[in-house]
Amino acid sequence: MDTTYQARWISRKRWGELRKSGGTQTGLVLDHLNGTLIIEPVGSDLGDGPVMSSQEAEYELQPAWLLGRRGLVNEARRRLGLALERLVGVEAVPS
């Protein structure tokens, strides 16, 4: 994982506190089938769960588990230095 961002789980209570205080400008929040993830700058302490390893983040940031737009998923993966997800079954049209 990139050393400037990290992935963590964030509780509903903590997410509500951040929304009210406006403290989410630097983080990227993703709705996951098992809760909520936040991609945050290292040291910002936005999330309240343990920091994920790169293998955990790779697994949890799969489009199958996330409820948001693919662009948001790819932005999260880019911030963490993970490979971007491609659309399945879409081929480039030769010019």
PDB file of N, CA and C in Angstrom:
ATOM      1  N   MET A   1       0.831  -1.182   0.000  1.00  0.00           N
ATOM      2  CA  MET A   1       0.000   0.000   0.000  1.00  0.00           C
ATOM      3  C   MET A   1       0.876   1.246   0.000  1.00  0.00           C
ATOM      4  N   ASP A   2       0.382   2.269  -0.608  1.00  0.00           N
ATOM      5  CA  ASP A   2       1.061   3.555  -0.619  1.00  0.00           C
ATOM      6  C   ASP A   2       1.189   4.037   0.826  1.00  0.00           C
ATOM      7  N   THR A   3       2.286   4.693   1.151  1.00  0.00           N
ATOM      8  CA  THR A   3       2.509   5.112   2.530  1.00  0.00           C
ATOM      9  C   THR A   3       1.760   6.381   2.913  1.00  0.00           C
ATOM     10  N   THR A   4       1.115   7.048   1.949  1.00  0.00           N
ATOM     11  CA  THR A   4       0.420   8.285   2.291  1.00  0.00           C
ATOM     12  C   THR A   4      -1.054   8.072   2.628  1.00  0.00           C
ATOM     13  N   TYR A   5      -1.630   6.928   2.247  1.00  0.00           N
ATOM     14  CA  TYR A   5      -3.031   6.611   2.560  1.00  0.00           C
ATOM     15  C   TYR A   5      -3.124   5.220   3.164  1.00  0.00           C
ATOM     16  N   GLN A   6      -4.170   5.028   3.955  1.00  0.00           N
ATOM     17  CA  GLN A   6      -4.441   3.728   4.549  1.00  0.00           C
ATOM     18  C   GLN A   6      -5.940   3.475   4.542  1.00  0.00           C
ATOM     19  N   ALA A   7      -6.307   2.195   4.607  1.00  0.00           N
ATOM     20  CA  ALA A   7      -7.717   1.799   4.632  1.00  0.00           C
ATOM     21  C   ALA A   7      -8.060   1.289   6.030  1.00  0.00           C
ATOM     22  N   ARG A   8      -9.235   1.691   6.518  1.00  0.00           N
ATOM     23  CA  ARG A   8      -9.722   1.248   7.831  1.00  0.00           C
ATOM     24  C   ARG A   8     -11.234   1.132   7.799  1.00  0.00           C
ATOM     25  N   TRP A   9     -11.765   0.358   8.701  1.00  0.00           N
ATOM     26  CA  TRP A   9     -13.202   0.343   8.935  1.00  0.00           C
ATOM     27  C   TRP A   9     -13.530   1.560   9.783  1.00  0.00           C
ATOM     28  N   ILE A  10     -14.745   2.051   9.625  1.00  0.00           N
ATOM     29  CA  ILE A  10     -15.198   3.175  10.442  1.00  0.00           C
ATOM     30  C   ILE A  10     -16.606   2.840  10.943  1.00  0.00           C
ATOM     31  N   SER A  11     -16.840   3.056  12.228  1.00  0.00           N
ATOM     32  CA  SER A  11     -18.147   2.754  12.807  1.00  0.00           C
ATOM     33  C   SER A  11     -19.172   3.808  12.395  1.00  0.00           C
ATOM     34  N   ARG A  12     -20.444   3.462  12.507  1.00  0.00           N
ATOM     35  CA  ARG A  12     -21.506   4.433  12.190  1.00  0.00           C
ATOM     36  C   ARG A  12     -21.424   5.659  13.091  1.00  0.00           C
ATOM     37  N   LYS A  13     -21.124   5.410  14.356  1.00  0.00           N
ATOM     38  CA  LYS A  13     -21.035   6.519  15.312  1.00  0.00           C
ATOM     39  C   LYS A  13     -19.915   7.475  14.909  1.00  0.00           C
ATOM     40  N   ARG A  14     -18.738   6.934  14.615  1.00  0.00           N
ATOM     41  CA  ARG A  14     -17.597   7.773  14.230  1.00  0.00           C
ATOM     42  C   ARG A  14     -17.876   8.498  12.912  1.00  0.00           C
ATOM     43  N   TRP A  15     -18.488   7.799  11.942  1.00  0.00           N
ATOM     44  CA  TRP A  15     -18.819   8.407  10.654  1.00  0.00           C
ATOM     45  C   TRP A  15     -19.784   9.570  10.861  1.00  0.00           C
ATOM     46  N   GLY A  16     -20.767   9.402  11.737  1.00  0.00           N
ATOM     47  CA  GLY A  16     -21.705  10.482  12.038  1.00  0.00           C
ATOM     48  C   GLY A  16     -21.010  11.684  12.665  1.00  0.00           C
ATOM     49  N   GLU A  17     -20.065  11.428  13.571  1.00  0.00           N
ATOM     50  CA  GLU A  17     -19.306  12.513  14.205  1.00  0.00           C
ATOM     51  C   GLU A  17     -18.500  13.290  13.162  1.00  0.00           C
ATOM     52  N   LEU A  18     -17.862  12.560  12.247  1.00  0.00           N
ATOM     53  CA  LEU A  18     -17.056  13.219  11.208  1.00  0.00           C
ATOM     54  C   LEU A  18     -17.911  14.048  10.262  1.00  0.00           C
ATOM     55  N   ARG A  19     -19.070  13.507   9.892  1.00  0.00           N
ATOM     56  CA  ARG A  19     -19.972  14.265   8.998  1.00  0.00           C
ATOM     57  C   ARG A  19     -20.411  15.561   9.647  1.00  0.00           C
ATOM     58  N   LYS A  20     -20.776  15.491  10.918  1.00  0.00           N
ATOM     59  CA  LYS A  20     -21.252  16.690  11.619  1.00  0.00           C
ATOM     60  C   LYS A  20     -20.155  17.732  11.771  1.00  0.00           C
ATOM     61  N   SER A  21     -18.933  17.281  12.003  1.00  0.00           N
ATOM     62  CA  SER A  21     -17.823  18.217  12.212  1.00  0.00           C
ATOM     63  C   SER A  21     -17.170  18.665  10.911  1.00  0.00           C
ATOM     64  N   GLY A  22     -17.545  18.028   9.801  1.00  0.00           N
ATOM     65  CA  GLY A  22     -16.932  18.373   8.516  1.00  0.00           C
ATOM     66  C   GLY A  22     -15.521  17.847   8.378  1.00  0.00           C
ATOM     67  N   GLY A  23     -15.168  16.835   9.142  1.00  0.00           N
ATOM     68  CA  GLY A  23     -13.806  16.304   9.139  1.00  0.00           C
ATOM     69  C   GLY A  23     -13.511  15.258   8.096  1.00  0.00           C
ATOM     70  N   THR A  24     -14.339  15.133   7.075  1.00  0.00           N
ATOM     71  CA  THR A  24     -14.116  14.075   6.085  1.00  0.00           C
ATOM     72  C   THR A  24     -13.532  14.569   4.770  1.00  0.00           C
ATOM     73  N   GLN A  25     -13.098  15.811   4.698  1.00  0.00           N
ATOM     74  CA  GLN A  25     -12.590  16.338   3.431  1.00  0.00           C
ATOM     75  C   GLN A  25     -11.378  15.568   2.926  1.00  0.00           C
ATOM     76  N   THR A  26     -10.559  15.042   3.801  1.00  0.00           N
ATOM     77  CA  THR A  26      -9.347  14.351   3.372  1.00  0.00           C
ATOM     78  C   THR A  26      -9.541  12.853   3.207  1.00  0.00           C
ATOM     79  N   GLY A  27     -10.669  12.317   3.655  1.00  0.00           N
ATOM     80  CA  GLY A  27     -10.928  10.884   3.559  1.00  0.00           C
ATOM     81  C   GLY A  27     -11.924  10.548   2.468  1.00  0.00           C
ATOM     82  N   LEU A  28     -11.897   9.303   2.039  1.00  0.00           N
ATOM     83  CA  LEU A  28     -12.814   8.798   1.027  1.00  0.00           C
ATOM     84  C   LEU A  28     -13.612   7.668   1.678  1.00  0.00           C
ATOM     85  N   VAL A  29     -14.920   7.817   1.773  1.00  0.00           N
ATOM     86  CA  VAL A  29     -15.769   6.855   2.471  1.00  0.00           C
ATOM     87  C   VAL A  29     -16.484   5.968   1.458  1.00  0.00           C
ATOM     88  N   LEU A  30     -16.460   4.650   1.723  1.00  0.00           N
ATOM     89  CA  LEU A  30     -17.067   3.672   0.826  1.00  0.00           C
ATOM     90  C   LEU A  30     -18.052   2.797   1.601  1.00  0.00           C
ATOM     91  N   ASP A  31     -19.241   2.597   1.021  1.00  0.00           N
ATOM     92  CA  ASP A  31     -20.215   1.680   1.614  1.00  0.00           C
ATOM     93  C   ASP A  31     -19.858   0.262   1.190  1.00  0.00           C
ATOM     94  N   HIS A  32     -19.695  -0.607   2.161  1.00  0.00           N
ATOM     95  CA  HIS A  32     -19.289  -1.989   1.959  1.00  0.00           C
ATOM     96  C   HIS A  32     -20.433  -2.874   2.436  1.00  0.00           C
ATOM     97  N   LEU A  33     -20.518  -4.073   1.912  1.00  0.00           N
ATOM     98  CA  LEU A  33     -21.575  -4.988   2.366  1.00  0.00           C
ATOM     99  C   LEU A  33     -21.489  -5.264   3.865  1.00  0.00           C
ATOM    100  N   ASN A  34     -20.291  -5.172   4.441  1.00  0.00           N
ATOM    101  CA  ASN A  34     -20.104  -5.467   5.865  1.00  0.00           C
ATOM    102  C   ASN A  34     -19.931  -4.227   6.735  1.00  0.00           C
ATOM    103  N   GLY A  35     -20.184  -3.042   6.199  1.00  0.00           N
ATOM    104  CA  GLY A  35     -20.017  -1.827   6.988  1.00  0.00           C
ATOM    105  C   GLY A  35     -19.546  -0.670   6.135  1.00  0.00           C
ATOM    106  N   THR A  36     -18.696   0.159   6.713  1.00  0.00           N
ATOM    107  CA  THR A  36     -18.194   1.337   6.015  1.00  0.00           C
ATOM    108  C   THR A  36     -16.676   1.370   6.106  1.00  0.00           C
ATOM    109  N   LEU A  37     -16.038   1.648   4.982  1.00  0.00           N
ATOM    110  CA  LEU A  37     -14.581   1.777   4.917  1.00  0.00           C
ATOM    111  C   LEU A  37     -14.228   3.236   4.702  1.00  0.00           C
ATOM    112  N   ILE A  38     -13.078   3.630   5.206  1.00  0.00           N
ATOM    113  CA  ILE A  38     -12.567   4.968   4.928  1.00  0.00           C
ATOM    114  C   ILE A  38     -11.131   4.836   4.455  1.00  0.00           C
ATOM    115  N   ILE A  39     -10.826   5.548   3.389  1.00  0.00           N
ATOM    116  CA  ILE A  39      -9.458   5.650   2.886  1.00  0.00           C
ATOM    117  C   ILE A  39      -8.982   7.014   3.360  1.00  0.00           C
ATOM    118  N   GLU A  40      -7.992   7.024   4.231  1.00  0.00           N
ATOM    119  CA  GLU A  40      -7.577   8.247   4.911  1.00  0.00           C
ATOM    120  C   GLU A  40      -6.075   8.453   4.799  1.00  0.00           C
ATOM    121  N   PRO A  41      -5.630   9.700   4.880  1.00  0.00           N
ATOM    122  CA  PRO A  41      -4.186   9.936   4.944  1.00  0.00           C
ATOM    123  C   PRO A  41      -3.621   9.320   6.224  1.00  0.00           C
ATOM    124  N   VAL A  42      -2.431   8.755   6.124  1.00  0.00           N
ATOM    125  CA  VAL A  42      -1.781   8.167   7.297  1.00  0.00           C
ATOM    126  C   VAL A  42      -1.649   9.232   8.381  1.00  0.00           C
ATOM    127  N   GLY A  43      -2.020   8.863   9.603  1.00  0.00           N
ATOM    128  CA  GLY A  43      -1.912   9.770  10.741  1.00  0.00           C
ATOM    129  C   GLY A  43      -3.110  10.660  10.971  1.00  0.00           C
ATOM    130  N   SER A  44      -4.095  10.636  10.060  1.00  0.00           N
ATOM    131  CA  SER A  44      -5.264  11.505  10.233  1.00  0.00           C
ATOM    132  C   SER A  44      -6.230  10.972  11.277  1.00  0.00           C
ATOM    133  N   ASP A  45      -6.196   9.675  11.532  1.00  0.00           N
ATOM    134  CA  ASP A  45      -7.020   9.046  12.573  1.00  0.00           C
ATOM    135  C   ASP A  45      -8.515   9.281  12.377  1.00  0.00           C
ATOM    136  N   LEU A  46      -8.977   9.234  11.130  1.00  0.00           N
ATOM    137  CA  LEU A  46     -10.403   9.406  10.857  1.00  0.00           C
ATOM    138  C   LEU A  46     -11.199   8.157  11.207  1.00  0.00           C
ATOM    139  N   GLY A  47     -10.702   7.003  10.794  1.00  0.00           N
ATOM    140  CA  GLY A  47     -11.382   5.740  11.080  1.00  0.00           C
ATOM    141  C   GLY A  47     -11.128   5.289  12.499  1.00  0.00           C
ATOM    142  N   ASP A  48     -11.953   4.349  12.980  1.00  0.00           N
ATOM    143  CA  ASP A  48     -11.753   3.850  14.338  1.00  0.00           C
ATOM    144  C   ASP A  48     -11.477   2.354  14.381  1.00  0.00           C
ATOM    145  N   GLY A  49     -11.326   1.731  13.214  1.00  0.00           N
ATOM    146  CA  GLY A  49     -10.958   0.321  13.158  1.00  0.00           C
ATOM    147  C   GLY A  49      -9.466   0.178  12.941  1.00  0.00           C
ATOM    148  N   PRO A  50      -8.986  -1.083  12.967  1.00  0.00           N
ATOM    149  CA  PRO A  50      -7.554  -1.293  12.718  1.00  0.00           C
ATOM    150  C   PRO A  50      -7.194  -0.980  11.265  1.00  0.00           C
ATOM    151  N   VAL A  51      -5.964  -0.546  11.043  1.00  0.00           N
ATOM    152  CA  VAL A  51      -5.464  -0.270   9.700  1.00  0.00           C
ATOM    153  C   VAL A  51      -5.322  -1.602   8.963  1.00  0.00           C
ATOM    154  N   MET A  52      -5.801  -1.639   7.714  1.00  0.00           N
ATOM    155  CA  MET A  52      -5.729  -2.862   6.912  1.00  0.00           C
ATOM    156  C   MET A  52      -4.361  -3.019   6.273  1.00  0.00           C
ATOM    157  N   SER A  53      -3.951  -4.272   6.134  1.00  0.00           N
ATOM    158  CA  SER A  53      -2.749  -4.563   5.362  1.00  0.00           C
ATOM    159  C   SER A  53      -3.093  -4.403   3.883  1.00  0.00           C
ATOM    160  N   SER A  54      -2.090  -4.393   3.021  1.00  0.00           N
ATOM    161  CA  SER A  54      -2.359  -4.248   1.585  1.00  0.00           C
ATOM    162  C   SER A  54      -3.169  -5.439   1.060  1.00  0.00           C
ATOM    163  N   GLN A  55      -2.935  -6.640   1.608  1.00  0.00           N
ATOM    164  CA  GLN A  55      -3.708  -7.816   1.182  1.00  0.00           C
ATOM    165  C   GLN A  55      -5.168  -7.698   1.599  1.00  0.00           C
ATOM    166  N   GLU A  56      -5.415  -7.219   2.806  1.00  0.00           N
ATOM    167  CA  GLU A  56      -6.792  -7.020   3.267  1.00  0.00           C
ATOM    168  C   GLU A  56      -7.497  -5.962   2.418  1.00  0.00           C
ATOM    169  N   ALA A  57      -6.807  -4.860   2.161  1.00  0.00           N
ATOM    170  CA  ALA A  57      -7.398  -3.791   1.359  1.00  0.00           C
ATOM    171  C   ALA A  57      -7.688  -4.275  -0.056  1.00  0.00           C
ATOM    172  N   GLU A  58      -6.785  -5.034  -0.638  1.00  0.00           N
ATOM    173  CA  GLU A  58      -6.987  -5.590  -1.986  1.00  0.00           C
ATOM    174  C   GLU A  58      -8.269  -6.420  -2.024  1.00  0.00           C
ATOM    175  N   TYR A  59      -8.481  -7.239  -1.009  1.00  0.00           N
ATOM    176  CA  TYR A  59      -9.669  -8.091  -0.947  1.00  0.00           C
ATOM    177  C   TYR A  59     -10.943  -7.275  -0.712  1.00  0.00           C
ATOM    178  N   GLU A  60     -10.919  -6.387   0.264  1.00  0.00           N
ATOM    179  CA  GLU A  60     -12.124  -5.634   0.644  1.00  0.00           C
ATOM    180  C   GLU A  60     -12.522  -4.588  -0.399  1.00  0.00           C
ATOM    181  N   LEU A  61     -11.576  -4.096  -1.179  1.00  0.00           N
ATOM    182  CA  LEU A  61     -11.884  -3.073  -2.186  1.00  0.00           C
ATOM    183  C   LEU A  61     -12.163  -3.689  -3.556  1.00  0.00           C
ATOM    184  N   GLN A  62     -12.906  -4.770  -3.571  1.00  0.00           N
ATOM    185  CA  GLN A  62     -13.359  -5.394  -4.810  1.00  0.00           C
ATOM    186  C   GLN A  62     -14.767  -4.877  -5.098  1.00  0.00           C
ATOM    187  N   PRO A  63     -15.081  -4.569  -6.339  1.00  0.00           N
ATOM    188  CA  PRO A  63     -16.413  -4.046  -6.674  1.00  0.00           C
ATOM    189  C   PRO A  63     -17.565  -4.942  -6.191  1.00  0.00           C
ATOM    190  N   ALA A  64     -17.336  -6.230  -6.072  1.00  0.00           N
ATOM    191  CA  ALA A  64     -18.395  -7.134  -5.625  1.00  0.00           C
ATOM    192  C   ALA A  64     -18.858  -6.820  -4.201  1.00  0.00           C
ATOM    193  N   TRP A  65     -17.974  -6.277  -3.362  1.00  0.00           N
ATOM    194  CA  TRP A  65     -18.310  -6.003  -1.963  1.00  0.00           C
ATOM    195  C   TRP A  65     -18.775  -4.567  -1.744  1.00  0.00           C
ATOM    196  N   LEU A  66     -18.480  -3.678  -2.686  1.00  0.00           N
ATOM    197  CA  LEU A  66     -18.758  -2.263  -2.491  1.00  0.00           C
ATOM    198  C   LEU A  66     -20.039  -1.827  -3.189  1.00  0.00           C
ATOM    199  N   LEU A  67     -20.763  -0.931  -2.557  1.00  0.00           N
ATOM    200  CA  LEU A  67     -22.074  -0.528  -3.041  1.00  0.00           C
ATOM    201  C   LEU A  67     -22.058   0.782  -3.830  1.00  0.00           C
ATOM    202  N   GLY A  68     -20.909   1.394  -3.973  1.00  0.00           N
ATOM    203  CA  GLY A  68     -20.822   2.685  -4.649  1.00  0.00           C
ATOM    204  C   GLY A  68     -20.439   2.567  -6.109  1.00  0.00           C
ATOM    205  N   ARG A  69     -20.178   3.721  -6.700  1.00  0.00           N
ATOM    206  CA  ARG A  69     -19.785   3.801  -8.102  1.00  0.00           C
ATOM    207  C   ARG A  69     -18.391   3.217  -8.307  1.00  0.00           C
ATOM    208  N   ARG A  70     -18.167   2.649  -9.484  1.00  0.00           N
ATOM    209  CA  ARG A  70     -16.861   2.077  -9.810  1.00  0.00           C
ATOM    210  C   ARG A  70     -15.769   3.145  -9.780  1.00  0.00           C
ATOM    211  N   GLY A  71     -16.093   4.364 -10.198  1.00  0.00           N
ATOM    212  CA  GLY A  71     -15.110   5.440 -10.168  1.00  0.00           C
ATOM    213  C   GLY A  71     -14.601   5.716  -8.762  1.00  0.00           C
ATOM    214  N   LEU A  72     -15.482   5.633  -7.776  1.00  0.00           N
ATOM    215  CA  LEU A  72     -15.105   5.835  -6.386  1.00  0.00           C
ATOM    216  C   LEU A  72     -14.206   4.701  -5.898  1.00  0.00           C
ATOM    217  N   VAL A  73     -14.552   3.480  -6.308  1.00  0.00           N
ATOM    218  CA  VAL A  73     -13.741   2.313  -5.959  1.00  0.00           C
ATOM    219  C   VAL A  73     -12.343   2.466  -6.548  1.00  0.00           C
ATOM    220  N   ASN A  74     -12.272   2.854  -7.811  1.00  0.00           N
ATOM    221  CA  ASN A  74     -10.968   3.024  -8.454  1.00  0.00           C
ATOM    222  C   ASN A  74     -10.166   4.159  -7.820  1.00  0.00           C
ATOM    223  N   GLU A  75     -10.818   5.231  -7.394  1.00  0.00           N
ATOM    224  CA  GLU A  75     -10.107   6.313  -6.713  1.00  0.00           C
ATOM    225  C   GLU A  75      -9.527   5.811  -5.395  1.00  0.00           C
ATOM    226  N   ALA A  76     -10.301   5.020  -4.657  1.00  0.00           N
ATOM    227  CA  ALA A  76      -9.807   4.447  -3.401  1.00  0.00           C
ATOM    228  C   ALA A  76      -8.607   3.541  -3.666  1.00  0.00           C
ATOM    229  N   ARG A  77      -8.712   2.688  -4.678  1.00  0.00           N
ATOM    230  CA  ARG A  77      -7.621   1.774  -5.020  1.00  0.00           C
ATOM    231  C   ARG A  77      -6.390   2.563  -5.474  1.00  0.00           C
ATOM    232  N   ARG A  78      -6.584   3.636  -6.235  1.00  0.00           N
ATOM    233  CA  ARG A  78      -5.471   4.460  -6.697  1.00  0.00           C
ATOM    234  C   ARG A  78      -4.745   5.094  -5.509  1.00  0.00           C
ATOM    235  N   ARG A  79      -5.502   5.631  -4.558  1.00  0.00           N
ATOM    236  CA  ARG A  79      -4.887   6.257  -3.384  1.00  0.00           C
ATOM    237  C   ARG A  79      -4.051   5.270  -2.586  1.00  0.00           C
ATOM    238  N   LEU A  80      -4.472   4.011  -2.587  1.00  0.00           N
ATOM    239  CA  LEU A  80      -3.749   2.985  -1.833  1.00  0.00           C
ATOM    240  C   LEU A  80      -2.649   2.313  -2.637  1.00  0.00           C
ATOM    241  N   GLY A  81      -2.516   2.675  -3.904  1.00  0.00           N
ATOM    242  CA  GLY A  81      -1.482   2.073  -4.743  1.00  0.00           C
ATOM    243  C   GLY A  81      -1.840   0.681  -5.225  1.00  0.00           C
ATOM    244  N   LEU A  82      -3.147   0.360  -5.277  1.00  0.00           N
ATOM    245  CA  LEU A  82      -3.603  -0.945  -5.754  1.00  0.00           C
ATOM    246  C   LEU A  82      -3.992  -0.856  -7.227  1.00  0.00           C
ATOM    247  N   ALA A  83      -3.988  -1.994  -7.909  1.00  0.00           N
ATOM    248  CA  ALA A  83      -4.378  -2.024  -9.322  1.00  0.00           C
ATOM    249  C   ALA A  83      -5.835  -1.600  -9.462  1.00  0.00           C
ATOM    250  N   LEU A  84      -6.136  -0.860 -10.525  1.00  0.00           N
ATOM    251  CA  LEU A  84      -7.502  -0.413 -10.774  1.00  0.00           C
ATOM    252  C   LEU A  84      -8.331  -1.566 -11.317  1.00  0.00           C
ATOM    253  N   GLU A  85      -9.606  -1.589 -10.948  1.00  0.00           N
ATOM    254  CA  GLU A  85     -10.525  -2.612 -11.435  1.00  0.00           C
ATOM    255  C   GLU A  85     -11.013  -2.242 -12.826  1.00  0.00           C
ATOM    256  N   ARG A  86     -11.029  -3.197 -13.703  1.00  0.00           N
ATOM    257  CA  ARG A  86     -11.506  -2.958 -15.065  1.00  0.00           C
ATOM    258  C   ARG A  86     -12.897  -3.554 -15.219  1.00  0.00           C
ATOM    259  N   LEU A  87     -13.662  -2.997 -16.151  1.00  0.00           N
ATOM    260  CA  LEU A  87     -14.986  -3.530 -16.432  1.00  0.00           C
ATOM    261  C   LEU A  87     -14.842  -4.905 -17.076  1.00  0.00           C
ATOM    262  N   VAL A  88     -15.570  -5.876 -16.596  1.00  0.00           N
ATOM    263  CA  VAL A  88     -15.510  -7.231 -17.133  1.00  0.00           C
ATOM    264  C   VAL A  88     -16.286  -7.291 -18.426  1.00  0.00           C
ATOM    265  N   GLY A  89     -15.698  -7.900 -19.444  1.00  0.00           N
ATOM    266  CA  GLY A  89     -16.375  -8.088 -20.713  1.00  0.00           C
ATOM    267  C   GLY A  89     -16.325  -6.905 -21.656  1.00  0.00           C
ATOM    268  N   VAL A  90     -15.635  -5.848 -21.284  1.00  0.00           N
ATOM    269  CA  VAL A  90     -15.528  -4.683 -22.145  1.00  0.00           C
ATOM    270  C   VAL A  90     -14.175  -4.740 -22.851  1.00  0.00           C
ATOM    271  N   GLU A  91     -14.226  -4.689 -24.159  1.00  0.00           N
ATOM    272  CA  GLU A  91     -13.005  -4.734 -24.952  1.00  0.00           C
ATOM    273  C   GLU A  91     -12.799  -3.406 -25.658  1.00  0.00           C
ATOM    274  N   ALA A  92     -11.565  -3.063 -25.889  1.00  0.00           N
ATOM    275  CA  ALA A  92     -11.254  -1.838 -26.626  1.00  0.00           C
ATOM    276  C   ALA A  92     -11.619  -2.031 -28.080  1.00  0.00           C
ATOM    277  N   VAL A  93     -12.198  -1.038 -28.655  1.00  0.00           N
ATOM    278  CA  VAL A  93     -12.593  -1.087 -30.077  1.00  0.00           C
ATOM    279  C   VAL A  93     -11.400  -0.611 -30.899  1.00  0.00           C
ATOM    280  N   PRO A  94     -10.927  -1.435 -31.859  1.00  0.00           N
ATOM    281  CA  PRO A  94      -9.781  -0.981 -32.667  1.00  0.00           C
ATOM    282  C   PRO A  94     -10.181   0.197 -33.542  1.00  0.00           C
ATOM    283  N   SER A  95      -9.257   1.132 -33.718  1.00  0.00           N
ATOM    284  CA  SER A  95      -9.563   2.299 -34.538  1.00  0.00           C
ATOM    285  C   SER A  95      -9.019   2.172 -35.936  1.00  0.00           C
TER     286      SER A  95
END
